[in-house]
Amino acid sequence: MKFKSLLALALSSTMVFSLGIKNVSASESVPEPDTKIVTKELFTHDGVSMGYVTINKTIEYNNTDEGVEFTVTKESDYTLNSEFASLEEYNNKFVDGVDINTYLITKDQELYANGEHLEISSVSTMDSGGIPTISHYYDDGRYKNYTFGSYSDIRLQWTMDIKPDGSNTSGTIDSSITSNTAKFLLAKSAVDSFENNYNDYNLAVKATMVALGVTAISWASLVGLIGSGTAAGFAAAEAVDSYNDAKSDVGNAYNYINMF
């Protein structure tokens, strides 16, 4: 299941790694499967702890005629705090389970997620007025009237920054009205999850750069590491996987907001 703004959610992570550089087979030049266990505490945008999730992640690689294929298997174990565990929408969104995604990085550095082509910008774009909002919500100070806004999609720029894409929608909802509660919580949980994956993506990109000892990285360099059997290669694969999850989340948020 997908657990899918910039104002939505702060994230802190406590990581326990079973990660190391794997030996590459001389005959096939494909690294062995690699595994990492991550425990993260989840927070709302205003600093309230939602609980914890422990993710056991395995990445398996395969060289094909088209390029490097890798499969990310994530086993997630959520423990929500009581105030969130009592909400059906959060239980349905942050639920234990196994999520499997297969990616292909072609020799031309095109990205496919589960067979679907994900377009990557090859040129930069200028921001006007600072960092653009992608998917977000905010309240009126009384935890009652919430304003939401979201794009329907995201896209990676050549700088590796996530930028908004597609259509934009917005809406305001009174969360205290019983008939609005489900719609409000669906939208809110989607935005919260988007921010989780947005942060995970940026963390993975930074981890890739740290492993390489560099301060910047391009799309070509990042995807070129995948399948290398190194810590940088594992982090690069995580970045691609988190980007795909964030992409799904922002689409869900857009659809839920359109229900208002």
Protein backbone atom coordinates (compact mmCIF):
# COMPACT_ATOMS: atom_id res chain seq x y z
CA MET A 1 0.00 0.00 0.00
CA LYS A 2 1.22 3.52 -0.75
CA PHE A 3 1.66 5.85 2.23
CA LYS A 4 1.42 8.99 0.49
CA SER A 5 2.68 20.42 1.57
CA LEU A 6 5.52 21.72 2.36
CA LEU A 7 3.66 22.81 5.52
CA ALA A 8 2.31 19.38 6.34
CA LEU A 9 4.68 17.12 8.22
CA ALA A 10 8.06 17.23 9.96
CA LEU A 11 10.03 14.02 10.06
CA SER A 12 12.73 12.69 12.30
CA SER A 13 14.46 9.38 11.76
CA THR A 14 16.33 6.90 13.86
CA MET A 15 18.08 4.54 11.52
CA VAL A 16 19.52 1.11 12.15
CA PHE A 17 21.39 -0.15 9.15
CA SER A 18 22.22 -3.63 8.04
CA LEU A 19 23.91 -2.05 5.09
CA GLY A 20 27.29 -2.76 3.60
CA ILE A 21 29.07 -2.96 0.32
CA LYS A 22 28.14 -6.21 -1.33
CA ASN A 23 30.42 -8.28 -3.49
CA VAL A 24 29.56 -8.08 -7.16
CA SER A 25 29.43 -11.31 -9.08
CA ALA A 26 32.23 -11.37 -11.60
CA SER A 27 30.14 -13.40 -14.02
CA GLU A 28 26.97 -11.33 -13.98
CA SER A 29 28.12 -8.01 -12.46
CA VAL A 30 24.92 -7.87 -10.41
CA PRO A 31 25.15 -7.06 -6.69
CA GLU A 32 23.53 -9.27 -4.12
CA PRO A 33 20.22 -8.14 -2.57
CA ASP A 34 20.73 -5.51 0.11
CA THR A 35 18.62 -4.85 3.20
CA LYS A 36 18.13 -1.91 5.53
CA ILE A 37 15.89 -1.53 8.57
CA VAL A 38 14.67 2.00 9.34
CA THR A 39 12.60 3.17 12.31
CA LYS A 40 11.07 6.63 11.99
CA GLU A 41 8.99 8.72 14.34
CA LEU A 42 6.17 10.49 12.52
CA PHE A 43 5.02 14.02 13.37
CA THR A 44 2.20 16.28 12.24
CA HIS A 45 3.02 19.70 10.84
CA ASP A 46 2.59 21.26 14.31
CA GLY A 47 4.98 18.84 16.04
CA VAL A 48 2.55 16.29 17.49
CA SER A 49 3.91 12.75 17.37
CA MET A 50 1.70 10.41 15.32
CA GLY A 51 3.68 7.29 16.23
CA TYR A 52 6.38 5.17 14.64
CA VAL A 53 6.96 3.04 11.58
CA THR A 54 9.61 0.36 11.16
CA ILE A 55 10.43 -0.44 7.55
CA ASN A 56 12.41 -3.50 6.49
CA LYS A 57 13.56 -2.66 2.99
CA THR A 58 15.23 -5.01 0.51
CA ILE A 59 16.52 -4.03 -2.92
CA GLU A 60 17.25 -6.67 -5.57
CA TYR A 61 18.99 -5.87 -8.84
CA ASN A 62 19.02 -7.31 -12.33
CA ASN A 63 20.84 -6.24 -15.48
CA THR A 64 18.67 -6.43 -18.60
CA ASP A 65 19.16 -5.58 -22.25
CA GLU A 66 17.29 -2.33 -21.60
CA GLY A 67 19.23 -1.22 -18.54
CA VAL A 68 19.33 -1.74 -14.76
CA GLU A 69 16.17 -3.14 -13.17
CA PHE A 70 15.69 -3.16 -9.42
CA THR A 71 12.86 -4.23 -7.15
CA VAL A 72 12.21 -2.54 -3.80
CA THR A 73 10.32 -4.61 -1.23
CA LYS A 74 9.17 -2.73 1.89
CA GLU A 75 7.64 -4.42 4.92
CA SER A 76 6.08 -1.69 7.09
CA ASP A 77 5.06 -2.04 10.73
CA TYR A 78 3.15 1.00 12.03
CA THR A 79 2.48 1.88 15.66
CA LEU A 80 0.20 4.92 15.87
CA ASN A 81 -0.35 6.87 19.06
CA SER A 82 -3.80 6.48 20.58
CA GLU A 83 -5.31 9.72 19.26
CA PHE A 84 -4.40 8.76 15.68
CA ALA A 85 -5.03 5.02 16.11
CA SER A 86 -8.65 5.88 16.91
CA LEU A 87 -9.11 7.53 13.48
CA GLU A 88 -10.15 5.09 10.77
CA GLU A 89 -8.67 7.23 7.97
CA TYR A 90 -5.20 7.18 9.55
CA ASN A 91 -5.44 3.47 10.30
CA ASN A 92 -6.33 2.84 6.67
CA LYS A 93 -3.49 5.05 5.41
CA PHE A 94 -0.70 4.10 7.78
CA VAL A 95 -1.26 0.35 7.76
CA ASP A 96 1.08 -2.61 8.14
CA GLY A 97 1.85 -4.41 4.93
CA VAL A 98 4.25 -5.28 2.15
CA ASP A 99 4.80 -2.91 -0.77
CA ILE A 100 6.70 -4.04 -3.88
CA ASN A 101 7.79 -1.68 -6.66
CA THR A 102 9.89 -2.53 -9.71
CA TYR A 103 11.97 0.13 -11.46
CA LEU A 104 13.92 0.25 -14.69
CA ILE A 105 16.66 2.77 -15.44
CA THR A 106 17.28 2.49 -19.18
CA LYS A 107 20.63 3.00 -20.85
CA ASP A 108 19.33 6.44 -21.86
CA GLN A 109 18.65 7.18 -18.17
CA GLU A 110 14.87 7.10 -18.55
CA LEU A 111 12.95 6.01 -15.46
CA TYR A 112 10.10 3.49 -15.43
CA ALA A 113 8.15 2.63 -12.26
CA ASN A 114 6.10 -0.57 -12.47
CA GLY A 115 6.12 -0.23 -16.25
CA GLU A 116 5.02 3.42 -16.27
CA HIS A 117 7.36 6.03 -17.71
CA LEU A 118 8.12 8.86 -15.25
CA GLU A 119 9.26 11.92 -17.16
CA ILE A 120 12.26 13.82 -15.82
CA SER A 121 12.96 17.42 -16.84
CA SER A 122 16.19 17.97 -18.72
CA VAL A 123 16.18 21.77 -18.31
CA SER A 124 15.86 23.99 -15.29
CA THR A 125 12.88 26.19 -14.55
CA MET A 126 12.78 29.43 -12.60
CA ASP A 127 10.83 29.74 -9.41
CA SER A 128 8.90 32.96 -8.83
CA GLY A 129 8.32 33.96 -5.20
CA GLY A 130 10.49 31.29 -3.64
CA ILE A 131 9.93 27.55 -3.31
CA PRO A 132 6.54 26.74 -4.86
CA THR A 133 3.91 24.96 -2.79
CA ILE A 134 3.33 21.41 -3.92
CA SER A 135 0.71 20.02 -1.56
CA HIS A 136 -0.32 21.55 1.73
CA TYR A 137 -2.95 22.45 4.28
CA TYR A 138 -3.30 24.96 7.11
CA ASP A 139 -5.93 25.77 9.63
CA ASP A 140 -7.51 29.00 10.91
CA GLY A 141 -5.85 28.71 14.31
CA ARG A 142 -8.87 26.98 15.82
CA TYR A 143 -8.38 23.50 14.30
CA LYS A 144 -11.67 24.01 12.49
CA ASN A 145 -11.52 25.57 9.03
CA TYR A 146 -8.71 24.02 6.97
CA THR A 147 -7.45 25.29 3.64
CA PHE A 148 -5.90 22.75 1.29
CA GLY A 149 -4.00 23.16 -1.94
CA SER A 150 -2.28 20.60 -4.13
CA TYR A 151 -0.95 19.95 -7.58
CA SER A 152 -1.97 16.74 -9.27
CA ASP A 153 1.58 15.62 -9.98
CA ILE A 154 5.27 16.30 -9.36
CA ARG A 155 8.38 16.22 -11.51
CA LEU A 156 12.11 16.08 -10.86
CA GLN A 157 14.20 18.94 -12.17
CA TRP A 158 17.76 18.50 -13.39
CA THR A 159 18.89 19.90 -10.02
CA MET A 160 17.19 16.89 -8.36
CA ASP A 161 14.61 19.18 -6.72
CA ILE A 162 10.99 18.07 -6.67
CA LYS A 163 8.75 20.60 -8.41
CA PRO A 164 4.97 20.71 -8.91
CA ASP A 165 3.42 19.53 -12.14
CA GLY A 166 -0.03 19.06 -13.64
CA SER A 167 -3.20 20.79 -12.48
CA ASN A 168 -3.72 22.72 -9.26
CA THR A 169 -6.67 22.60 -6.94
CA SER A 170 -7.58 24.12 -3.60
CA GLY A 171 -10.43 24.07 -1.14
CA THR A 172 -11.50 24.95 2.39
CA ILE A 173 -13.35 22.56 4.66
CA ASP A 174 -14.90 22.80 8.11
CA SER A 175 -13.45 19.77 9.89
CA SER A 176 -15.95 20.07 12.76
CA ILE A 177 -18.91 19.11 10.55
CA THR A 178 -19.55 15.37 10.78
CA SER A 179 -20.29 14.96 7.08
CA ASN A 180 -16.92 16.52 6.25
CA THR A 181 -14.81 14.46 8.64
CA ALA A 182 -13.96 11.58 6.30
CA LYS A 183 -13.08 13.87 3.38
CA PHE A 184 -10.97 16.06 5.66
CA LEU A 185 -9.03 13.14 7.14
CA LEU A 186 -8.48 11.49 3.75
CA ALA A 187 -6.97 14.69 2.35
CA LYS A 188 -4.97 15.42 5.49
CA SER A 189 -3.49 11.93 5.74
CA ALA A 190 -2.54 11.99 2.03
CA VAL A 191 -0.71 15.31 2.49
CA ASP A 192 1.00 14.05 5.66
CA SER A 193 2.15 10.95 3.82
CA PHE A 194 3.35 13.04 0.87
CA GLU A 195 5.56 15.04 3.20
CA ASN A 196 6.97 11.82 4.67
CA ASN A 197 8.01 10.59 1.25
CA TYR A 198 9.17 14.05 0.14
CA ASN A 199 11.51 14.12 3.15
CA ASP A 200 12.60 10.52 2.56
CA TYR A 201 13.52 11.41 -1.02
CA ASN A 202 15.64 14.38 0.04
CA LEU A 203 17.25 12.31 2.81
CA ALA A 204 18.15 9.57 0.34
CA VAL A 205 19.65 12.06 -2.12
CA LYS A 206 21.73 13.57 0.69
CA ALA A 207 22.81 10.09 1.81
CA THR A 208 23.93 9.38 -1.74
CA MET A 209 26.02 12.55 -1.80
CA VAL A 210 27.52 11.81 1.63
CA ALA A 211 28.48 8.30 0.52
CA LEU A 212 30.21 9.78 -2.54
CA GLY A 213 31.77 12.70 -0.66
CA VAL A 214 30.16 15.28 -2.97
CA THR A 215 27.93 18.31 -2.35
CA ALA A 216 25.77 18.01 -5.47
CA ILE A 217 24.62 15.25 -7.76
CA SER A 218 22.86 15.07 -11.11
CA TRP A 219 20.15 12.68 -12.24
CA ALA A 220 22.63 10.95 -14.54
CA SER A 221 25.12 10.43 -11.73
CA LEU A 222 22.48 9.23 -9.27
CA VAL A 223 20.90 6.61 -11.53
CA GLY A 224 24.35 5.54 -12.68
CA LEU A 225 25.03 4.33 -9.15
CA ILE A 226 22.02 2.00 -8.97
CA GLY A 227 23.11 -1.59 -9.05
CA SER A 228 26.70 -0.75 -8.10
CA GLY A 229 26.50 -2.76 -4.87
CA THR A 230 27.63 0.23 -2.79
CA ALA A 231 26.04 2.28 -0.03
CA ALA A 232 25.65 5.13 -2.51
CA GLY A 233 23.87 2.81 -4.94
CA PHE A 234 21.44 1.64 -2.25
CA ALA A 235 20.64 5.24 -1.25
CA ALA A 236 20.13 6.17 -4.90
CA ALA A 237 17.61 3.36 -5.33
CA GLU A 238 15.82 4.54 -2.18
CA ALA A 239 15.60 8.05 -3.64
CA VAL A 240 13.87 6.75 -6.76
CA ASP A 241 11.45 4.67 -4.69
CA SER A 242 10.56 7.56 -2.34
CA TYR A 243 10.03 9.88 -5.30
CA ASN A 244 7.58 7.41 -6.81
CA ASP A 245 5.66 7.16 -3.50
CA ALA A 246 5.54 10.96 -3.19
CA LYS A 247 4.24 11.17 -6.75
CA SER A 248 1.39 8.80 -5.87
CA ASP A 249 0.63 10.68 -2.65
CA VAL A 250 0.31 14.07 -4.28
CA GLY A 251 -2.10 12.63 -6.84
CA ASN A 252 -4.22 11.20 -4.02
CA ALA A 253 -4.20 14.53 -2.19
CA TYR A 254 -5.34 16.32 -5.34
CA ASN A 255 -8.22 13.88 -5.82
CA TYR A 256 -9.36 14.10 -2.19
CA ILE A 257 -9.31 17.90 -2.20
CA ASN A 258 -11.49 17.85 -5.31
CA MET A 259 -14.08 15.99 -3.20
CA PHE A 260 -14.63 19.07 -1.01
